[in-house]
């Protein structure tokens, strides 16, 4: 099967004041064992939009990875049974967009010049 790009956002509890780096590494290792980890973006401690289990703050982490289509369900299952995970969400990501460099006016004039000379 072909691998697919995914994004996973996890929110970890900070109620106990413990360091969440072990949890970040746990899920990083899980992804690396089952796919290709593209990036990990730690957003840090943020206020939640509404209290979840009487908690008002959480530690947000975004994982970008490439894996087989059956892995995200297993990833989310493990995230949901991990004690300090408040919320988790895994979505299929779009393929990376390749940005073309803008063409300057000088390049456009140079590209048009031979066509104009040939027309004369």
Protein backbone atom coordinates (compact mmCIF):
# COMPACT_ATOMS: atom_id res chain seq x y z
CA UNK A 1 0.00 0.00 0.00
CA UNK A 2 1.04 3.56 -0.60
CA UNK A 3 1.92 5.78 2.32
CA UNK A 4 -0.23 8.82 3.02
CA UNK A 5 0.55 12.16 4.72
CA UNK A 6 -1.13 12.79 8.08
CA UNK A 7 -1.24 15.48 10.75
CA UNK A 8 -1.87 14.67 14.39
CA UNK A 9 -2.54 17.23 17.12
CA UNK A 10 -2.29 16.09 20.74
CA UNK A 11 -3.10 18.11 23.83
CA UNK A 12 -1.39 16.93 27.00
CA UNK A 13 -2.42 17.73 30.57
CA UNK A 14 -0.24 20.20 32.48
CA UNK A 15 -2.28 20.02 35.68
CA UNK A 16 0.36 18.11 37.64
CA UNK A 17 3.13 20.43 36.47
CA UNK A 18 5.14 17.47 35.18
CA UNK A 19 7.34 17.79 32.13
CA UNK A 20 5.60 16.60 28.94
CA UNK A 21 8.80 15.92 26.98
CA UNK A 22 8.56 12.20 27.77
CA UNK A 23 5.08 12.08 26.21
CA UNK A 24 6.24 14.03 23.17
CA UNK A 25 9.09 11.55 22.70
CA UNK A 26 6.79 8.55 23.26
CA UNK A 27 4.52 9.51 20.36
CA UNK A 28 7.49 10.55 18.24
CA UNK A 29 8.99 7.07 18.68
CA UNK A 30 5.62 5.44 17.92
CA UNK A 31 5.37 7.30 14.62
CA UNK A 32 8.99 6.54 13.69
CA UNK A 33 8.39 2.83 14.34
CA UNK A 34 5.34 2.75 12.03
CA UNK A 35 6.06 5.40 9.41
CA UNK A 36 8.16 8.42 8.53
CA UNK A 37 8.10 11.42 10.86
CA UNK A 38 8.20 14.62 8.82
CA UNK A 39 8.14 17.20 11.60
CA UNK A 40 7.21 17.84 15.22
CA UNK A 41 5.94 21.31 16.09
CA UNK A 42 5.56 21.95 19.81
CA UNK A 43 3.12 24.81 20.24
CA UNK A 44 3.60 24.75 23.99
CA UNK A 45 1.28 25.54 26.86
CA UNK A 46 -1.93 27.29 25.79
CA UNK A 47 -5.29 28.11 27.25
CA UNK A 48 -8.10 25.77 26.19
CA UNK A 49 -11.21 27.23 24.56
CA UNK A 50 -13.33 25.54 27.23
CA UNK A 51 -12.48 23.46 30.32
CA UNK A 52 -11.93 19.74 29.71
CA UNK A 53 -12.14 17.62 32.87
CA UNK A 54 -11.76 20.83 34.91
CA UNK A 55 -8.49 21.73 33.14
CA UNK A 56 -8.13 25.12 31.48
CA UNK A 57 -4.63 24.74 29.97
CA UNK A 58 -2.91 22.13 27.86
CA UNK A 59 0.36 21.47 26.06
CA UNK A 60 -0.18 21.31 22.28
CA UNK A 61 1.98 19.26 19.90
CA UNK A 62 1.57 18.89 16.12
CA UNK A 63 3.07 15.83 14.41
CA UNK A 64 3.37 15.60 10.61
CA UNK A 65 4.07 12.11 9.35
CA UNK A 66 3.73 9.67 6.50
CA UNK A 67 2.32 6.20 7.19
CA UNK A 68 0.19 3.33 5.93
CA UNK A 69 -3.58 4.03 6.02
CA UNK A 70 -4.22 1.66 8.96
CA UNK A 71 -1.74 3.34 11.36
CA UNK A 72 -3.68 6.56 12.24
CA UNK A 73 -6.48 4.57 13.89
CA UNK A 74 -3.94 2.73 16.05
CA UNK A 75 -2.15 6.01 16.84
CA UNK A 76 -5.39 7.63 17.99
CA UNK A 77 -6.32 4.55 20.05
CA UNK A 78 -2.99 4.73 21.90
CA UNK A 79 -3.36 8.49 22.37
CA UNK A 80 -6.84 8.06 23.85
CA UNK A 81 -5.73 5.48 26.42
CA UNK A 82 -2.67 7.47 27.51
CA UNK A 83 -3.44 9.06 30.88
CA UNK A 84 -2.17 12.59 30.31
CA UNK A 85 -3.67 13.05 26.83
CA UNK A 86 -6.62 15.44 27.00
CA UNK A 87 -7.51 15.44 23.28
CA UNK A 88 -6.16 13.97 20.07
CA UNK A 89 -7.01 14.36 16.42
CA UNK A 90 -5.46 12.76 13.35
CA UNK A 91 -6.36 14.01 9.87
CA UNK A 92 -5.21 13.20 6.37
CA UNK A 93 -2.97 16.03 5.19
CA UNK A 94 -2.73 17.45 1.72
CA UNK A 95 0.40 16.71 -0.24
CA UNK A 96 3.06 19.39 0.26
CA UNK A 97 2.54 22.30 -2.12
CA UNK A 98 5.50 23.28 -4.25
CA UNK A 99 5.72 27.04 -4.57
CA UNK A 100 6.96 28.41 -7.87
CA UNK A 101 9.25 31.39 -7.78
CA UNK A 102 7.62 34.60 -8.98
CA UNK A 103 8.61 35.78 -12.44
CA UNK A 104 10.05 39.28 -12.51
CA UNK A 105 9.12 41.85 -15.18
CA UNK A 106 12.62 41.63 -16.70
CA UNK A 107 12.23 37.87 -17.20
CA UNK A 108 8.84 38.36 -18.87
CA UNK A 109 10.28 40.96 -21.29
CA UNK A 110 13.19 38.66 -22.18
CA UNK A 111 10.82 35.74 -22.78
CA UNK A 112 8.55 37.86 -25.03
CA UNK A 113 11.38 39.43 -27.08
CA UNK A 114 12.25 36.44 -29.32
CA UNK A 115 8.58 35.84 -30.08
CA UNK A 116 8.12 39.46 -31.19
CA UNK A 117 11.23 39.34 -33.41
CA UNK A 118 10.08 36.14 -35.08
CA UNK A 119 6.68 37.69 -35.82
CA UNK A 120 8.23 40.62 -37.75
